[in-house]
């Protein structure tokens, strides 16, 4: 098992699937990255060397892609900002209701139940 940017990647994963487990990297971005670094998509995580992982980290920094904890913190800060200025979306977040226009007559009750279980 390899740890990259705080995420454990299993050795038997293919490279595309393994790198797309990083929060903030999808399969498309991973394929573009592998294409730029001339790494085949059929490789497994266990076949890669330490130098390849360093290249991956440098590629992510070069393209200014926000991943893992910094992306999670940015999302939380954006939601907190919406709550603090009392925007409509912020109020919906604070009431634990759908924020993107979904109906609340039938489906939002399950969201409320899930929130109440967490407390």
PDB file of N, CA and C in Angstrom:
ATOM      1  N   UNK A   1       0.851  -1.174   0.000  1.00  0.00           N
ATOM      2  CA  UNK A   1       0.000   0.000   0.000  1.00  0.00           C
ATOM      3  C   UNK A   1       0.898   1.238   0.000  1.00  0.00           C
ATOM      4  N   UNK A   2       0.546   2.186  -0.831  1.00  0.00           N
ATOM      5  CA  UNK A   2       1.318   3.414  -0.983  1.00  0.00           C
ATOM      6  C   UNK A   2       0.481   4.573  -0.474  1.00  0.00           C
ATOM      7  N   UNK A   3       1.125   5.495   0.235  1.00  0.00           N
ATOM      8  CA  UNK A   3       0.408   6.681   0.704  1.00  0.00           C
ATOM      9  C   UNK A   3       0.867   7.880  -0.110  1.00  0.00           C
ATOM     10  N   UNK A   4      -0.096   8.537  -0.745  1.00  0.00           N
ATOM     11  CA  UNK A   4       0.184   9.698  -1.581  1.00  0.00           C
ATOM     12  C   UNK A   4      -0.753  10.824  -1.177  1.00  0.00           C
ATOM     13  N   UNK A   5      -0.202  11.931  -0.721  1.00  0.00           N
ATOM     14  CA  UNK A   5      -0.973  13.102  -0.306  1.00  0.00           C
ATOM     15  C   UNK A   5      -2.020  12.761   0.750  1.00  0.00           C
ATOM     16  N   UNK A   6      -1.676  11.854   1.652  1.00  0.00           N
ATOM     17  CA  UNK A   6      -2.574  11.496   2.741  1.00  0.00           C
ATOM     18  C   UNK A   6      -3.611  10.446   2.407  1.00  0.00           C
ATOM     19  N   UNK A   7      -3.566   9.878   1.234  1.00  0.00           N
ATOM     20  CA  UNK A   7      -4.519   8.849   0.828  1.00  0.00           C
ATOM     21  C   UNK A   7      -3.782   7.545   0.585  1.00  0.00           C
ATOM     22  N   UNK A   8      -4.323   6.466   1.114  1.00  0.00           N
ATOM     23  CA  UNK A   8      -3.718   5.155   0.894  1.00  0.00           C
ATOM     24  C   UNK A   8      -4.194   4.593  -0.438  1.00  0.00           C
ATOM     25  N   UNK A   9      -3.248   4.207  -1.276  1.00  0.00           N
ATOM     26  CA  UNK A   9      -3.565   3.605  -2.569  1.00  0.00           C
ATOM     27  C   UNK A   9      -3.163   2.139  -2.528  1.00  0.00           C
ATOM     28  N   UNK A  10      -4.097   1.269  -2.844  1.00  0.00           N
ATOM     29  CA  UNK A  10      -3.804  -0.169  -2.823  1.00  0.00           C
ATOM     30  C   UNK A  10      -2.898  -0.533  -3.985  1.00  0.00           C
ATOM     31  N   UNK A  11      -2.018  -1.499  -3.747  1.00  0.00           N
ATOM     32  CA  UNK A  11      -1.008  -1.885  -4.742  1.00  0.00           C
ATOM     33  C   UNK A  11      -1.610  -2.486  -6.007  1.00  0.00           C
ATOM     34  N   UNK A  12      -2.725  -3.189  -5.887  1.00  0.00           N
ATOM     35  CA  UNK A  12      -3.251  -3.889  -7.058  1.00  0.00           C
ATOM     36  C   UNK A  12      -4.175  -3.022  -7.909  1.00  0.00           C
ATOM     37  N   UNK A  13      -4.392  -1.745  -7.538  1.00  0.00           N
ATOM     38  CA  UNK A  13      -5.183  -0.850  -8.364  1.00  0.00           C
ATOM     39  C   UNK A  13      -4.434  -0.509  -9.643  1.00  0.00           C
ATOM     40  N   UNK A  14      -5.190  -0.317 -10.725  1.00  0.00           N
ATOM     41  CA  UNK A  14      -4.573   0.264 -11.907  1.00  0.00           C
ATOM     42  C   UNK A  14      -4.282   1.723 -11.609  1.00  0.00           C
ATOM     43  N   UNK A  15      -3.357   2.287 -12.352  1.00  0.00           N
ATOM     44  CA  UNK A  15      -2.885   3.638 -12.061  1.00  0.00           C
ATOM     45  C   UNK A  15      -4.022   4.654 -12.177  1.00  0.00           C
ATOM     46  N   UNK A  16      -4.852   4.514 -13.184  1.00  0.00           N
ATOM     47  CA  UNK A  16      -5.963   5.465 -13.380  1.00  0.00           C
ATOM     48  C   UNK A  16      -6.919   5.409 -12.196  1.00  0.00           C
ATOM     49  N   UNK A  17      -7.273   4.212 -11.770  1.00  0.00           N
ATOM     50  CA  UNK A  17      -8.206   4.067 -10.660  1.00  0.00           C
ATOM     51  C   UNK A  17      -7.579   4.516  -9.344  1.00  0.00           C
ATOM     52  N   UNK A  18      -6.307   4.231  -9.174  1.00  0.00           N
ATOM     53  CA  UNK A  18      -5.633   4.602  -7.934  1.00  0.00           C
ATOM     54  C   UNK A  18      -5.520   6.094  -7.758  1.00  0.00           C
ATOM     55  N   UNK A  19      -5.052   6.803  -8.794  1.00  0.00           N
ATOM     56  CA  UNK A  19      -4.886   8.245  -8.680  1.00  0.00           C
ATOM     57  C   UNK A  19      -6.224   8.966  -8.647  1.00  0.00           C
ATOM     58  N   UNK A  20      -7.263   8.374  -9.217  1.00  0.00           N
ATOM     59  CA  UNK A  20      -8.565   9.037  -9.164  1.00  0.00           C
ATOM     60  C   UNK A  20      -9.209   8.886  -7.782  1.00  0.00           C
ATOM     61  N   UNK A  21      -8.622   8.097  -6.895  1.00  0.00           N
ATOM     62  CA  UNK A  21      -9.097   8.009  -5.517  1.00  0.00           C
ATOM     63  C   UNK A  21      -8.724   9.253  -4.725  1.00  0.00           C
ATOM     64  N   UNK A  22      -7.766  10.031  -5.219  1.00  0.00           N
ATOM     65  CA  UNK A  22      -7.398  11.267  -4.552  1.00  0.00           C
ATOM     66  C   UNK A  22      -8.561  12.248  -4.663  1.00  0.00           C
ATOM     67  N   UNK A  23      -8.933  12.870  -3.566  1.00  0.00           N
ATOM     68  CA  UNK A  23     -10.057  13.801  -3.544  1.00  0.00           C
ATOM     69  C   UNK A  23      -9.694  15.028  -4.366  1.00  0.00           C
ATOM     70  N   UNK A  24     -10.415  15.271  -5.426  1.00  0.00           N
ATOM     71  CA  UNK A  24     -10.152  16.407  -6.295  1.00  0.00           C
ATOM     72  C   UNK A  24      -9.614  16.007  -7.654  1.00  0.00           C
ATOM     73  N   UNK A  25      -9.221  14.748  -7.814  1.00  0.00           N
ATOM     74  CA  UNK A  25      -8.770  14.253  -9.113  1.00  0.00           C
ATOM     75  C   UNK A  25      -9.788  13.243  -9.619  1.00  0.00           C
ATOM     76  N   UNK A  26     -10.276  13.472 -10.817  1.00  0.00           N
ATOM     77  CA  UNK A  26     -11.191  12.522 -11.428  1.00  0.00           C
ATOM     78  C   UNK A  26     -10.455  11.664 -12.438  1.00  0.00           C
ATOM     79  N   UNK A  27     -11.201  10.830 -13.118  1.00  0.00           N
ATOM     80  CA  UNK A  27     -10.571   9.945 -14.099  1.00  0.00           C
ATOM     81  C   UNK A  27     -10.034  10.726 -15.295  1.00  0.00           C
ATOM     82  N   UNK A  28     -10.733  11.771 -15.714  1.00  0.00           N
ATOM     83  CA  UNK A  28     -10.272  12.541 -16.866  1.00  0.00           C
ATOM     84  C   UNK A  28      -8.953  13.239 -16.549  1.00  0.00           C
ATOM     85  N   UNK A  29      -8.899  13.928 -15.415  1.00  0.00           N
ATOM     86  CA  UNK A  29      -7.678  14.634 -15.033  1.00  0.00           C
ATOM     87  C   UNK A  29      -6.533  13.654 -14.835  1.00  0.00           C
ATOM     88  N   UNK A  30      -6.838  12.492 -14.284  1.00  0.00           N
ATOM     89  CA  UNK A  30      -5.809  11.474 -14.091  1.00  0.00           C
ATOM     90  C   UNK A  30      -5.266  10.993 -15.427  1.00  0.00           C
ATOM     91  N   UNK A  31      -6.134  10.787 -16.398  1.00  0.00           N
ATOM     92  CA  UNK A  31      -5.667  10.348 -17.725  1.00  0.00           C
ATOM     93  C   UNK A  31      -4.814  11.417 -18.398  1.00  0.00           C
ATOM     94  N   UNK A  32      -5.207  12.685 -18.245  1.00  0.00           N
ATOM     95  CA  UNK A  32      -4.403  13.775 -18.813  1.00  0.00           C
ATOM     96  C   UNK A  32      -3.032  13.809 -18.152  1.00  0.00           C
ATOM     97  N   UNK A  33      -3.013  13.650 -16.831  1.00  0.00           N
ATOM     98  CA  UNK A  33      -1.755  13.658 -16.092  1.00  0.00           C
ATOM     99  C   UNK A  33      -0.848  12.513 -16.533  1.00  0.00           C
ATOM    100  N   UNK A  34      -1.406  11.322 -16.641  1.00  0.00           N
ATOM    101  CA  UNK A  34      -0.610  10.160 -17.053  1.00  0.00           C
ATOM    102  C   UNK A  34      -0.104  10.318 -18.475  1.00  0.00           C
ATOM    103  N   UNK A  35      -0.911  10.924 -19.330  1.00  0.00           N
ATOM    104  CA  UNK A  35      -0.496  11.166 -20.707  1.00  0.00           C
ATOM    105  C   UNK A  35       0.666  12.159 -20.750  1.00  0.00           C
ATOM    106  N   UNK A  36       0.590  13.214 -19.936  1.00  0.00           N
ATOM    107  CA  UNK A  36       1.666  14.205 -19.887  1.00  0.00           C
ATOM    108  C   UNK A  36       2.963  13.612 -19.335  1.00  0.00           C
ATOM    109  N   UNK A  37       2.842  12.705 -18.358  1.00  0.00           N
ATOM    110  CA  UNK A  37       4.017  12.115 -17.724  1.00  0.00           C
ATOM    111  C   UNK A  37       4.514  10.858 -18.432  1.00  0.00           C
ATOM    112  N   UNK A  38       3.863  10.477 -19.535  1.00  0.00           N
ATOM    113  CA  UNK A  38       4.224   9.284 -20.313  1.00  0.00           C
ATOM    114  C   UNK A  38       4.210   8.010 -19.461  1.00  0.00           C
ATOM    115  N   UNK A  39       3.144   7.847 -18.706  1.00  0.00           N
ATOM    116  CA  UNK A  39       2.940   6.643 -17.907  1.00  0.00           C
ATOM    117  C   UNK A  39       1.771   5.895 -18.526  1.00  0.00           C
ATOM    118  N   UNK A  40       1.944   4.615 -18.774  1.00  0.00           N
ATOM    119  CA  UNK A  40       0.874   3.822 -19.360  1.00  0.00           C
ATOM    120  C   UNK A  40      -0.271   3.622 -18.394  1.00  0.00           C
ATOM    121  N   UNK A  41      -1.494   3.568 -18.921  1.00  0.00           N
ATOM    122  CA  UNK A  41      -2.660   3.425 -18.051  1.00  0.00           C
ATOM    123  C   UNK A  41      -2.863   1.985 -17.595  1.00  0.00           C
ATOM    124  N   UNK A  42      -2.103   1.055 -18.152  1.00  0.00           N
ATOM    125  CA  UNK A  42      -2.246  -0.341 -17.755  1.00  0.00           C
ATOM    126  C   UNK A  42      -1.348  -0.728 -16.587  1.00  0.00           C
ATOM    127  N   UNK A  43      -0.483   0.184 -16.153  1.00  0.00           N
ATOM    128  CA  UNK A  43       0.384  -0.113 -15.017  1.00  0.00           C
ATOM    129  C   UNK A  43      -0.436  -0.245 -13.751  1.00  0.00           C
ATOM    130  N   UNK A  44       0.129  -0.931 -12.775  1.00  0.00           N
ATOM    131  CA  UNK A  44      -0.451  -1.025 -11.443  1.00  0.00           C
ATOM    132  C   UNK A  44       0.333  -0.101 -10.518  1.00  0.00           C
ATOM    133  N   UNK A  45      -0.266   0.234  -9.384  1.00  0.00           N
ATOM    134  CA  UNK A  45       0.394   1.122  -8.425  1.00  0.00           C
ATOM    135  C   UNK A  45       1.712   0.501  -7.952  1.00  0.00           C
ATOM    136  N   UNK A  46       1.722  -0.823  -7.769  1.00  0.00           N
ATOM    137  CA  UNK A  46       2.935  -1.479  -7.260  1.00  0.00           C
ATOM    138  C   UNK A  46       4.081  -1.429  -8.266  1.00  0.00           C
ATOM    139  N   UNK A  47       3.791  -1.189  -9.554  1.00  0.00           N
ATOM    140  CA  UNK A  47       4.840  -1.152 -10.574  1.00  0.00           C
ATOM    141  C   UNK A  47       5.551   0.200 -10.636  1.00  0.00           C
ATOM    142  N   UNK A  48       4.998   1.219  -9.990  1.00  0.00           N
ATOM    143  CA  UNK A  48       5.563   2.557 -10.075  1.00  0.00           C
ATOM    144  C   UNK A  48       6.701   2.740  -9.072  1.00  0.00           C
ATOM    145  N   UNK A  49       7.663   3.577  -9.443  1.00  0.00           N
ATOM    146  CA  UNK A  49       8.786   3.866  -8.556  1.00  0.00           C
ATOM    147  C   UNK A  49       8.506   5.143  -7.771  1.00  0.00           C
ATOM    148  N   UNK A  50       9.393   5.414  -6.835  1.00  0.00           N
ATOM    149  CA  UNK A  50       9.248   6.623  -6.021  1.00  0.00           C
ATOM    150  C   UNK A  50       9.360   7.884  -6.872  1.00  0.00           C
ATOM    151  N   UNK A  51      10.189   7.833  -7.917  1.00  0.00           N
ATOM    152  CA  UNK A  51      10.356   8.990  -8.797  1.00  0.00           C
ATOM    153  C   UNK A  51       9.056   9.358  -9.504  1.00  0.00           C
ATOM    154  N   UNK A  52       8.268   8.363  -9.846  1.00  0.00           N
ATOM    155  CA  UNK A  52       6.992   8.621 -10.526  1.00  0.00           C
ATOM    156  C   UNK A  52       6.039   9.357  -9.586  1.00  0.00           C
ATOM    157  N   UNK A  53       6.013   8.971  -8.317  1.00  0.00           N
ATOM    158  CA  UNK A  53       5.136   9.638  -7.367  1.00  0.00           C
ATOM    159  C   UNK A  53       5.563  11.093  -7.155  1.00  0.00           C
ATOM    160  N   UNK A  54       6.871  11.337  -7.171  1.00  0.00           N
ATOM    161  CA  UNK A  54       7.369  12.711  -7.058  1.00  0.00           C
ATOM    162  C   UNK A  54       6.941  13.519  -8.277  1.00  0.00           C
ATOM    163  N   UNK A  55       7.008  12.907  -9.470  1.00  0.00           N
ATOM    164  CA  UNK A  55       6.581  13.584 -10.695  1.00  0.00           C
ATOM    165  C   UNK A  55       5.088  13.915 -10.644  1.00  0.00           C
ATOM    166  N   UNK A  56       4.309  12.995 -10.101  1.00  0.00           N
ATOM    167  CA  UNK A  56       2.866  13.222  -9.997  1.00  0.00           C
ATOM    168  C   UNK A  56       2.583  14.415  -9.089  1.00  0.00           C
ATOM    169  N   UNK A  57       3.254  14.477  -7.952  1.00  0.00           N
ATOM    170  CA  UNK A  57       3.050  15.590  -7.021  1.00  0.00           C
ATOM    171  C   UNK A  57       3.470  16.908  -7.670  1.00  0.00           C
ATOM    172  N   UNK A  58       4.589  16.902  -8.379  1.00  0.00           N
ATOM    173  CA  UNK A  58       5.041  18.118  -9.058  1.00  0.00           C
ATOM    174  C   UNK A  58       4.063  18.536 -10.151  1.00  0.00           C
ATOM    175  N   UNK A  59       3.494  17.567 -10.877  1.00  0.00           N
ATOM    176  CA  UNK A  59       2.525  17.875 -11.925  1.00  0.00           C
ATOM    177  C   UNK A  59       1.283  18.525 -11.327  1.00  0.00           C
ATOM    178  N   UNK A  60       0.822  18.003 -10.195  1.00  0.00           N
ATOM    179  CA  UNK A  60      -0.356  18.553  -9.526  1.00  0.00           C
ATOM    180  C   UNK A  60      -0.072  19.986  -9.077  1.00  0.00           C
ATOM    181  N   UNK A  61       1.121  20.218  -8.516  1.00  0.00           N
ATOM    182  CA  UNK A  61       1.471  21.567  -8.074  1.00  0.00           C
ATOM    183  C   UNK A  61       1.629  22.520  -9.255  1.00  0.00           C
ATOM    184  N   UNK A  62       2.204  22.026 -10.346  1.00  0.00           N
ATOM    185  CA  UNK A  62       2.430  22.871 -11.525  1.00  0.00           C
ATOM    186  C   UNK A  62       1.110  23.347 -12.112  1.00  0.00           C
ATOM    187  N   UNK A  63       0.134  22.472 -12.171  1.00  0.00           N
ATOM    188  CA  UNK A  63      -1.160  22.822 -12.755  1.00  0.00           C
ATOM    189  C   UNK A  63      -2.119  23.421 -11.729  1.00  0.00           C
ATOM    190  N   UNK A  64      -1.641  23.643 -10.525  1.00  0.00           N
ATOM    191  CA  UNK A  64      -2.391  24.295  -9.458  1.00  0.00           C
ATOM    192  C   UNK A  64      -3.738  23.629  -9.203  1.00  0.00           C
ATOM    193  N   UNK A  65      -3.707  22.316  -9.130  1.00  0.00           N
ATOM    194  CA  UNK A  65      -4.911  21.551  -8.819  1.00  0.00           C
ATOM    195  C   UNK A  65      -4.995  21.408  -7.307  1.00  0.00           C
ATOM    196  N   UNK A  66      -6.114  21.791  -6.746  1.00  0.00           N
ATOM    197  CA  UNK A  66      -6.311  21.706  -5.303  1.00  0.00           C
ATOM    198  C   UNK A  66      -6.864  20.325  -4.990  1.00  0.00           C
ATOM    199  N   UNK A  67      -6.178  19.590  -4.108  1.00  0.00           N
ATOM    200  CA  UNK A  67      -6.593  18.226  -3.789  1.00  0.00           C
ATOM    201  C   UNK A  67      -6.614  18.017  -2.281  1.00  0.00           C
ATOM    202  N   UNK A  68      -7.297  16.961  -1.890  1.00  0.00           N
ATOM    203  CA  UNK A  68      -7.358  16.444  -0.527  1.00  0.00           C
ATOM    204  C   UNK A  68      -7.794  17.487   0.496  1.00  0.00           C
ATOM    205  N   UNK A  69      -7.058  17.662   1.591  1.00  0.00           N
ATOM    206  CA  UNK A  69      -7.524  18.471   2.717  1.00  0.00           C
ATOM    207  C   UNK A  69      -7.684  19.941   2.361  1.00  0.00           C
ATOM    208  N   UNK A  70      -6.826  20.462   1.502  1.00  0.00           N
ATOM    209  CA  UNK A  70      -6.973  21.878   1.145  1.00  0.00           C
ATOM    210  C   UNK A  70      -8.265  22.111   0.366  1.00  0.00           C
ATOM    211  N   UNK A  71      -8.659  21.162  -0.477  1.00  0.00           N
ATOM    212  CA  UNK A  71      -9.918  21.293  -1.206  1.00  0.00           C
ATOM    213  C   UNK A  71     -11.104  21.168  -0.258  1.00  0.00           C
ATOM    214  N   UNK A  72     -11.029  20.242   0.688  1.00  0.00           N
ATOM    215  CA  UNK A  72     -12.109  20.086   1.660  1.00  0.00           C
ATOM    216  C   UNK A  72     -12.251  21.336   2.511  1.00  0.00           C
ATOM    217  N   UNK A  73     -11.119  21.926   2.924  1.00  0.00           N
ATOM    218  CA  UNK A  73     -11.166  23.152   3.710  1.00  0.00           C
ATOM    219  C   UNK A  73     -11.764  24.303   2.912  1.00  0.00           C
ATOM    220  N   UNK A  74     -11.418  24.375   1.620  1.00  0.00           N
ATOM    221  CA  UNK A  74     -11.947  25.440   0.772  1.00  0.00           C
ATOM    222  C   UNK A  74     -13.459  25.325   0.640  1.00  0.00           C
ATOM    223  N   UNK A  75     -13.969  24.105   0.488  1.00  0.00           N
ATOM    224  CA  UNK A  75     -15.414  23.888   0.374  1.00  0.00           C
ATOM    225  C   UNK A  75     -16.112  24.291   1.666  1.00  0.00           C
ATOM    226  N   UNK A  76     -15.533  23.901   2.795  1.00  0.00           N
ATOM    227  CA  UNK A  76     -16.126  24.250   4.091  1.00  0.00           C
ATOM    228  C   UNK A  76     -16.128  25.756   4.286  1.00  0.00           C
ATOM    229  N   UNK A  77     -15.039  26.426   3.896  1.00  0.00           N
ATOM    230  CA  UNK A  77     -14.974  27.888   4.027  1.00  0.00           C
ATOM    231  C   UNK A  77     -16.015  28.568   3.144  1.00  0.00           C
ATOM    232  N   UNK A  78     -16.237  28.034   1.931  1.00  0.00           N
ATOM    233  CA  UNK A  78     -17.245  28.618   1.041  1.00  0.00           C
ATOM    234  C   UNK A  78     -18.648  28.485   1.624  1.00  0.00           C
ATOM    235  N   UNK A  79     -18.950  27.309   2.211  1.00  0.00           N
ATOM    236  CA  UNK A  79     -20.267  27.106   2.809  1.00  0.00           C
ATOM    237  C   UNK A  79     -20.429  28.006   4.032  1.00  0.00           C
ATOM    238  N   UNK A  80     -19.365  28.134   4.842  1.00  0.00           N
ATOM    239  CA  UNK A  80     -19.442  29.014   6.012  1.00  0.00           C
ATOM    240  C   UNK A  80     -19.643  30.470   5.604  1.00  0.00           C
ATOM    241  N   UNK A  81     -19.031  30.872   4.498  1.00  0.00           N
ATOM    242  CA  UNK A  81     -19.209  32.239   4.014  1.00  0.00           C
ATOM    243  C   UNK A  81     -20.659  32.460   3.599  1.00  0.00           C
ATOM    244  N   UNK A  82     -21.243  31.480   2.906  1.00  0.00           N
ATOM    245  CA  UNK A  82     -22.652  31.596   2.518  1.00  0.00           C
ATOM    246  C   UNK A  82     -23.550  31.695   3.753  1.00  0.00           C
ATOM    247  N   UNK A  83     -23.207  30.937   4.793  1.00  0.00           N
ATOM    248  CA  UNK A  83     -24.003  30.994   6.020  1.00  0.00           C
ATOM    249  C   UNK A  83     -23.850  32.345   6.710  1.00  0.00           C
ATOM    250  N   UNK A  84     -22.623  32.877   6.730  1.00  0.00           N
ATOM    251  CA  UNK A  84     -22.384  34.117   7.466  1.00  0.00           C
ATOM    252  C   UNK A  84     -23.043  35.329   6.805  1.00  0.00           C
ATOM    253  N   UNK A  85     -23.116  35.337   5.474  1.00  0.00           N
ATOM    254  CA  UNK A  85     -23.773  36.466   4.818  1.00  0.00           C
ATOM    255  C   UNK A  85     -25.271  36.232   4.662  1.00  0.00           C
ATOM    256  N   UNK A  86     -25.727  35.114   5.187  1.00  0.00           N
ATOM    257  CA  UNK A  86     -27.146  34.752   5.192  1.00  0.00           C
ATOM    258  C   UNK A  86     -27.748  34.713   3.795  1.00  0.00           C
ATOM    259  N   UNK A  87     -26.972  34.144   2.875  1.00  0.00           N
ATOM    260  CA  UNK A  87     -27.490  33.926   1.528  1.00  0.00           C
ATOM    261  C   UNK A  87     -28.510  32.789   1.574  1.00  0.00           C
ATOM    262  N   UNK A  88     -29.321  32.715   0.556  1.00  0.00           N
ATOM    263  CA  UNK A  88     -30.362  31.684   0.520  1.00  0.00           C
ATOM    264  C   UNK A  88     -29.748  30.292   0.601  1.00  0.00           C
ATOM    265  N   UNK A  89     -28.696  30.058  -0.185  1.00  0.00           N
ATOM    266  CA  UNK A  89     -28.035  28.752  -0.145  1.00  0.00           C
ATOM    267  C   UNK A  89     -27.434  28.468   1.218  1.00  0.00           C
ATOM    268  N   UNK A  90     -26.915  29.500   1.881  1.00  0.00           N
ATOM    269  CA  UNK A  90     -26.361  29.322   3.216  1.00  0.00           C
ATOM    270  C   UNK A  90     -27.422  28.926   4.225  1.00  0.00           C
ATOM    271  N   UNK A  91     -28.599  29.538   4.107  1.00  0.00           N
ATOM    272  CA  UNK A  91     -29.694  29.167   4.996  1.00  0.00           C
ATOM    273  C   UNK A  91     -30.131  27.738   4.751  1.00  0.00           C
ATOM    274  N   UNK A  92     -30.174  27.343   3.494  1.00  0.00           N
ATOM    275  CA  UNK A  92     -30.547  25.959   3.178  1.00  0.00           C
ATOM    276  C   UNK A  92     -29.521  24.980   3.763  1.00  0.00           C
ATOM    277  N   UNK A  93     -28.243  25.355   3.700  1.00  0.00           N
ATOM    278  CA  UNK A  93     -27.217  24.515   4.314  1.00  0.00           C
ATOM    279  C   UNK A  93     -27.418  24.416   5.825  1.00  0.00           C
ATOM    280  N   UNK A  94     -27.696  25.538   6.468  1.00  0.00           N
ATOM    281  CA  UNK A  94     -27.824  25.521   7.922  1.00  0.00           C
ATOM    282  C   UNK A  94     -29.069  24.761   8.378  1.00  0.00           C
ATOM    283  N   UNK A  95     -30.121  24.752   7.562  1.00  0.00           N
ATOM    284  CA  UNK A  95     -31.326  23.992   7.894  1.00  0.00           C
ATOM    285  C   UNK A  95     -31.248  22.546   7.414  1.00  0.00           C
ATOM    286  N   UNK A  96     -30.146  22.176   6.801  1.00  0.00           N
ATOM    287  CA  UNK A  96     -29.921  20.815   6.281  1.00  0.00           C
ATOM    288  C   UNK A  96     -30.997  20.408   5.283  1.00  0.00           C
ATOM    289  N   UNK A  97     -31.256  21.325   4.358  1.00  0.00           N
ATOM    290  CA  UNK A  97     -32.207  21.074   3.286  1.00  0.00           C
ATOM    291  C   UNK A  97     -31.456  21.070   1.959  1.00  0.00           C
ATOM    292  N   UNK A  98     -32.056  20.541   0.896  1.00  0.00           N
ATOM    293  CA  UNK A  98     -31.395  20.570  -0.412  1.00  0.00           C
ATOM    294  C   UNK A  98     -31.144  22.005  -0.855  1.00  0.00           C
ATOM    295  N   UNK A  99     -29.962  22.250  -1.445  1.00  0.00           N
ATOM    296  CA  UNK A  99     -29.577  23.614  -1.800  1.00  0.00           C
ATOM    297  C   UNK A  99     -29.666  23.887  -3.285  1.00  0.00           C
ATOM    298  N   UNK A 100     -29.893  22.898  -4.093  1.00  0.00           N
ATOM    299  CA  UNK A 100     -29.845  23.095  -5.539  1.00  0.00           C
ATOM    300  C   UNK A 100     -31.184  22.886  -6.231  1.00  0.00           C
ATOM    301  N   UNK A 101     -32.254  23.247  -5.548  1.00  0.00           N
ATOM    302  CA  UNK A 101     -33.547  23.264  -6.195  1.00  0.00           C
ATOM    303  C   UNK A 101     -34.293  21.952  -6.224  1.00  0.00           C
ATOM    304  N   UNK A 102     -33.831  20.949  -5.482  1.00  0.00           N
ATOM    305  CA  UNK A 102     -34.562  19.688  -5.472  1.00  0.00           C
ATOM    306  C   UNK A 102     -35.867  19.853  -4.699  1.00  0.00           C
ATOM    307  N   UNK A 103     -36.792  18.958  -4.977  1.00  0.00           N
ATOM    308  CA  UNK A 103     -38.064  19.042  -4.300  1.00  0.00           C
ATOM    309  C   UNK A 103     -37.917  18.585  -2.846  1.00  0.00           C
ATOM    310  N   UNK A 104     -38.744  19.131  -1.971  1.00  0.00           N
ATOM    311  CA  UNK A 104     -38.660  18.777  -0.561  1.00  0.00           C
ATOM    312  C   UNK A 104     -39.909  18.045  -0.067  1.00  0.00           C
ATOM    313  N   UNK A 105     -40.899  17.920  -0.940  1.00  0.00           N
ATOM    314  CA  UNK A 105     -42.141  17.283  -0.499  1.00  0.00           C
ATOM    315  C   UNK A 105     -41.922  15.811  -0.151  1.00  0.00           C
ATOM    316  N   UNK A 106     -41.093  15.128  -0.941  1.00  0.00           N
ATOM    317  CA  UNK A 106     -40.925  13.705  -0.697  1.00  0.00           C
ATOM    318  C   UNK A 106     -39.496  13.333  -0.292  1.00  0.00           C
ATOM    319  N   UNK A 107     -38.481  13.872  -0.930  1.00  0.00           N
ATOM    320  CA  UNK A 107     -37.137  13.339  -0.760  1.00  0.00           C
ATOM    321  C   UNK A 107     -36.333  13.971   0.370  1.00  0.00           C
ATOM    322  N   UNK A 108     -36.616  15.179   0.760  1.00  0.00           N
ATOM    323  CA  UNK A 108     -35.772  15.855   1.742  1.00  0.00           C
ATOM    324  C   UNK A 108     -35.918  15.252   3.130  1.00  0.00           C
ATOM    325  N   UNK A 109     -36.982  14.509   3.373  1.00  0.00           N
ATOM    326  CA  UNK A 109     -37.154  13.925   4.698  1.00  0.00           C
ATOM    327  C   UNK A 109     -36.053  12.925   5.002  1.00  0.00           C
ATOM    328  N   UNK A 110     -35.559  12.228   3.989  1.00  0.00           N
ATOM    329  CA  UNK A 110     -34.477  11.276   4.230  1.00  0.00           C
ATOM    330  C   UNK A 110     -33.183  12.000   4.585  1.00  0.00           C
ATOM    331  N   UNK A 111     -32.958  13.180   4.005  1.00  0.00           N
ATOM    332  CA  UNK A 111     -31.774  13.967   4.341  1.00  0.00           C
ATOM    333  C   UNK A 111     -31.857  14.422   5.792  1.00  0.00           C
ATOM    334  N   UNK A 112     -33.028  14.862   6.214  1.00  0.00           N
ATOM    335  CA  UNK A 112     -33.207  15.306   7.588  1.00  0.00           C
ATOM    336  C   UNK A 112     -32.981  14.155   8.567  1.00  0.00           C
ATOM    337  N   UNK A 113     -33.475  12.968   8.228  1.00  0.00           N
ATOM    338  CA  UNK A 113     -33.289  11.819   9.107  1.00  0.00           C
ATOM    339  C   UNK A 113     -31.816  11.466   9.226  1.00  0.00           C
ATOM    340  N   UNK A 114     -31.097  11.507   8.127  1.00  0.00           N
ATOM    341  CA  UNK A 114     -29.671  11.206   8.166  1.00  0.00           C
ATOM    342  C   UNK A 114     -28.929  12.216   9.018  1.00  0.00           C
ATOM    343  N   UNK A 115     -29.319  13.480   8.929  1.00  0.00           N
ATOM    344  CA  UNK A 115     -28.666  14.493   9.740  1.00  0.00           C
ATOM    345  C   UNK A 115     -28.948  14.288  11.231  1.00  0.00           C
ATOM    346  N   UNK A 116     -30.163  13.925  11.576  1.00  0.00           N
ATOM    347  CA  UNK A 116     -30.508  13.721  12.963  1.00  0.00           C
ATOM    348  C   UNK A 116     -29.772  12.524  13.555  1.00  0.00           C
ATOM    349  N   UNK A 117     -29.451  11.510  12.757  1.00  0.00           N
ATOM    350  CA  UNK A 117     -28.704  10.348  13.244  1.00  0.00           C
ATOM    351  C   UNK A 117     -27.265  10.685  13.583  1.00  0.00           C
ATOM    352  N   UNK A 118     -26.699  11.682  12.883  1.00  0.00           N
ATOM    353  CA  UNK A 118     -25.304  12.038  13.121  1.00  0.00           C
ATOM    354  C   UNK A 118     -25.101  12.690  14.480  1.00  0.00           C
ATOM    355  N   UNK A 119     -26.132  13.333  15.000  1.00  0.00           N
ATOM    356  CA  UNK A 119     -25.988  14.059  16.273  1.00  0.00           C
ATOM    357  C   UNK A 119     -25.883  13.150  17.431  1.00  0.00           C
TER     358      UNK A 119
END
